[in-house]
Amino acid sequence: MFHPDTIQARVQQRPFVPFRIVTSSGQAYDIRHPELVMVGRRDLTIGTPSVDNPAQYEGINRVAIMHVTDLQDLPVPSA
């Protein structure tokens, strides 16, 4: 099980490195912008990025931290 501080540190890492949150049900959430994740004591609020502006969300998902099983680096597109 992950601690909220561990996830918060990953979100606040500079430079930001995109990552995937994987849950015990197998659901995965790709985090490509740090402002689309809010870390609480017991859960995460994850924004689904807007097609028009990926820094803004279209909808949200709530994930209990106790169900987070992995944080995986995502490939960074080359320039």
C-alpha atoms as a PDB file:
ATOM      1  CA  MET A   1       0.000   0.000   0.000  1.00  0.00           C
ATOM      2  CA  PHE A   2       1.206   3.492  -0.813  1.00  0.00           C
ATOM      3  CA  HIS A   3       1.302   6.386   1.640  1.00  0.00           C
ATOM      4  CA  PRO A   4      -0.275   9.685   0.543  1.00  0.00           C
ATOM      5  CA  ASP A   5       3.067  11.479   1.042  1.00  0.00           C
ATOM      6  CA  THR A   6       4.741   9.135  -1.464  1.00  0.00           C
ATOM      7  CA  ILE A   7       2.131   9.890  -4.114  1.00  0.00           C
ATOM      8  CA  GLN A   8       2.220  13.633  -3.326  1.00  0.00           C
ATOM      9  CA  ALA A   9       6.009  13.653  -3.755  1.00  0.00           C
ATOM     10  CA  ARG A  10       5.615  11.986  -7.148  1.00  0.00           C
ATOM     11  CA  VAL A  11       3.054  14.578  -8.265  1.00  0.00           C
ATOM     12  CA  GLN A  12       5.273  17.460  -7.063  1.00  0.00           C
ATOM     13  CA  GLN A  13       8.505  16.084  -8.581  1.00  0.00           C
ATOM     14  CA  ARG A  14      10.326  18.685 -10.692  1.00  0.00           C
ATOM     15  CA  PRO A  15      10.748  18.322 -13.495  1.00  0.00           C
ATOM     16  CA  PHE A  16       7.446  16.490 -13.615  1.00  0.00           C
ATOM     17  CA  VAL A  17       7.653  12.961 -15.034  1.00  0.00           C
ATOM     18  CA  PRO A  18       4.370  11.542 -16.380  1.00  0.00           C
ATOM     19  CA  PHE A  19       3.293   8.368 -14.591  1.00  0.00           C
ATOM     20  CA  ARG A  20       0.534   5.778 -14.366  1.00  0.00           C
ATOM     21  CA  ILE A  21      -1.443   4.931 -11.245  1.00  0.00           C
ATOM     22  CA  VAL A  22      -2.467   1.262 -11.197  1.00  0.00           C
ATOM     23  CA  THR A  23      -5.159  -0.043  -8.839  1.00  0.00           C
ATOM     24  CA  SER A  24      -5.966  -3.435  -7.344  1.00  0.00           C
ATOM     25  CA  SER A  25      -8.827  -3.843  -9.835  1.00  0.00           C
ATOM     26  CA  GLY A  26      -6.415  -3.394 -12.760  1.00  0.00           C
ATOM     27  CA  GLN A  27      -7.703   0.073 -13.625  1.00  0.00           C
ATOM     28  CA  ALA A  28      -4.948   2.462 -14.704  1.00  0.00           C
ATOM     29  CA  TYR A  29      -4.882   6.265 -14.771  1.00  0.00           C
ATOM     30  CA  ASP A  30      -2.261   8.080 -16.845  1.00  0.00           C
ATOM     31  CA  ILE A  31      -1.096  11.279 -15.173  1.00  0.00           C
ATOM     32  CA  ARG A  32       0.376  13.642 -17.743  1.00  0.00           C
ATOM     33  CA  HIS A  33      -0.176  16.913 -15.880  1.00  0.00           C
ATOM     34  CA  PRO A  34       0.465  17.372 -12.139  1.00  0.00           C
ATOM     35  CA  GLU A  35      -2.461  19.729 -11.614  1.00  0.00           C
ATOM     36  CA  LEU A  36      -4.943  16.985 -12.489  1.00  0.00           C
ATOM     37  CA  VAL A  37      -4.272  15.025  -9.284  1.00  0.00           C
ATOM     38  CA  MET A  38      -5.337  15.988  -5.769  1.00  0.00           C
ATOM     39  CA  VAL A  39      -3.951  13.820  -2.990  1.00  0.00           C
ATOM     40  CA  GLY A  40      -6.030  13.386   0.141  1.00  0.00           C
ATOM     41  CA  ARG A  41      -5.345  11.373   3.285  1.00  0.00           C
ATOM     42  CA  ARG A  42      -7.376   8.391   2.054  1.00  0.00           C
ATOM     43  CA  ASP A  43      -8.101   8.965  -1.619  1.00  0.00           C
ATOM     44  CA  LEU A  44      -6.992  10.585  -4.854  1.00  0.00           C
ATOM     45  CA  THR A  45      -9.072  12.805  -7.084  1.00  0.00           C
ATOM     46  CA  ILE A  46      -7.867  12.314 -10.647  1.00  0.00           C
ATOM     47  CA  GLY A  47      -9.011  14.586 -13.457  1.00  0.00           C
ATOM     48  CA  THR A  48      -9.664  13.212 -16.939  1.00  0.00           C
ATOM     49  CA  PRO A  49      -7.861  15.661 -19.235  1.00  0.00           C
ATOM     50  CA  SER A  50      -9.820  17.768 -21.689  1.00  0.00           C
ATOM     51  CA  VAL A  51      -9.034  17.233 -25.369  1.00  0.00           C
ATOM     52  CA  ASP A  52      -8.958  21.014 -25.895  1.00  0.00           C
ATOM     53  CA  ASN A  53      -6.677  21.760 -22.934  1.00  0.00           C
ATOM     54  CA  PRO A  54      -4.922  18.824 -21.226  1.00  0.00           C
ATOM     55  CA  ALA A  55      -4.267  20.968 -18.125  1.00  0.00           C
ATOM     56  CA  GLN A  56      -8.044  21.200 -17.522  1.00  0.00           C
ATOM     57  CA  TYR A  57     -10.320  18.277 -16.693  1.00  0.00           C
ATOM     58  CA  GLU A  58     -13.484  16.976 -18.349  1.00  0.00           C
ATOM     59  CA  GLY A  59     -14.460  14.700 -15.460  1.00  0.00           C
ATOM     60  CA  ILE A  60     -13.008  13.227 -12.279  1.00  0.00           C
ATOM     61  CA  ASN A  61     -12.398   9.832 -10.732  1.00  0.00           C
ATOM     62  CA  ARG A  62     -11.885   9.109  -7.049  1.00  0.00           C
ATOM     63  CA  VAL A  63      -9.511   6.322  -6.116  1.00  0.00           C
ATOM     64  CA  ALA A  64      -8.946   5.005  -2.598  1.00  0.00           C
ATOM     65  CA  ILE A  65      -5.213   5.103  -1.851  1.00  0.00           C
ATOM     66  CA  MET A  66      -5.469   1.666  -0.244  1.00  0.00           C
ATOM     67  CA  HIS A  67      -6.218   0.301  -3.740  1.00  0.00           C
ATOM     68  CA  VAL A  68      -3.166   1.859  -5.427  1.00  0.00           C
ATOM     69  CA  THR A  69      -0.799  -0.997  -6.237  1.00  0.00           C
ATOM     70  CA  ASP A  70       1.800   0.625  -8.496  1.00  0.00           C
ATOM     71  CA  LEU A  71       3.167   3.912  -9.818  1.00  0.00           C
ATOM     72  CA  GLN A  72       4.787   3.445 -13.232  1.00  0.00           C
ATOM     73  CA  ASP A  73       6.793   5.894 -15.319  1.00  0.00           C
ATOM     74  CA  LEU A  74       5.235   6.731 -18.676  1.00  0.00           C
ATOM     75  CA  PRO A  75       7.436   7.227 -21.742  1.00  0.00           C
ATOM     76  CA  VAL A  76       8.218  10.882 -22.364  1.00  0.00           C
ATOM     77  CA  PRO A  77       7.687  11.806 -26.027  1.00  0.00           C
ATOM     78  CA  SER A  78      10.916  12.891 -27.693  1.00  0.00           C
ATOM     79  CA  ALA A  79      11.075  16.374 -29.163  1.00  0.00           C
END
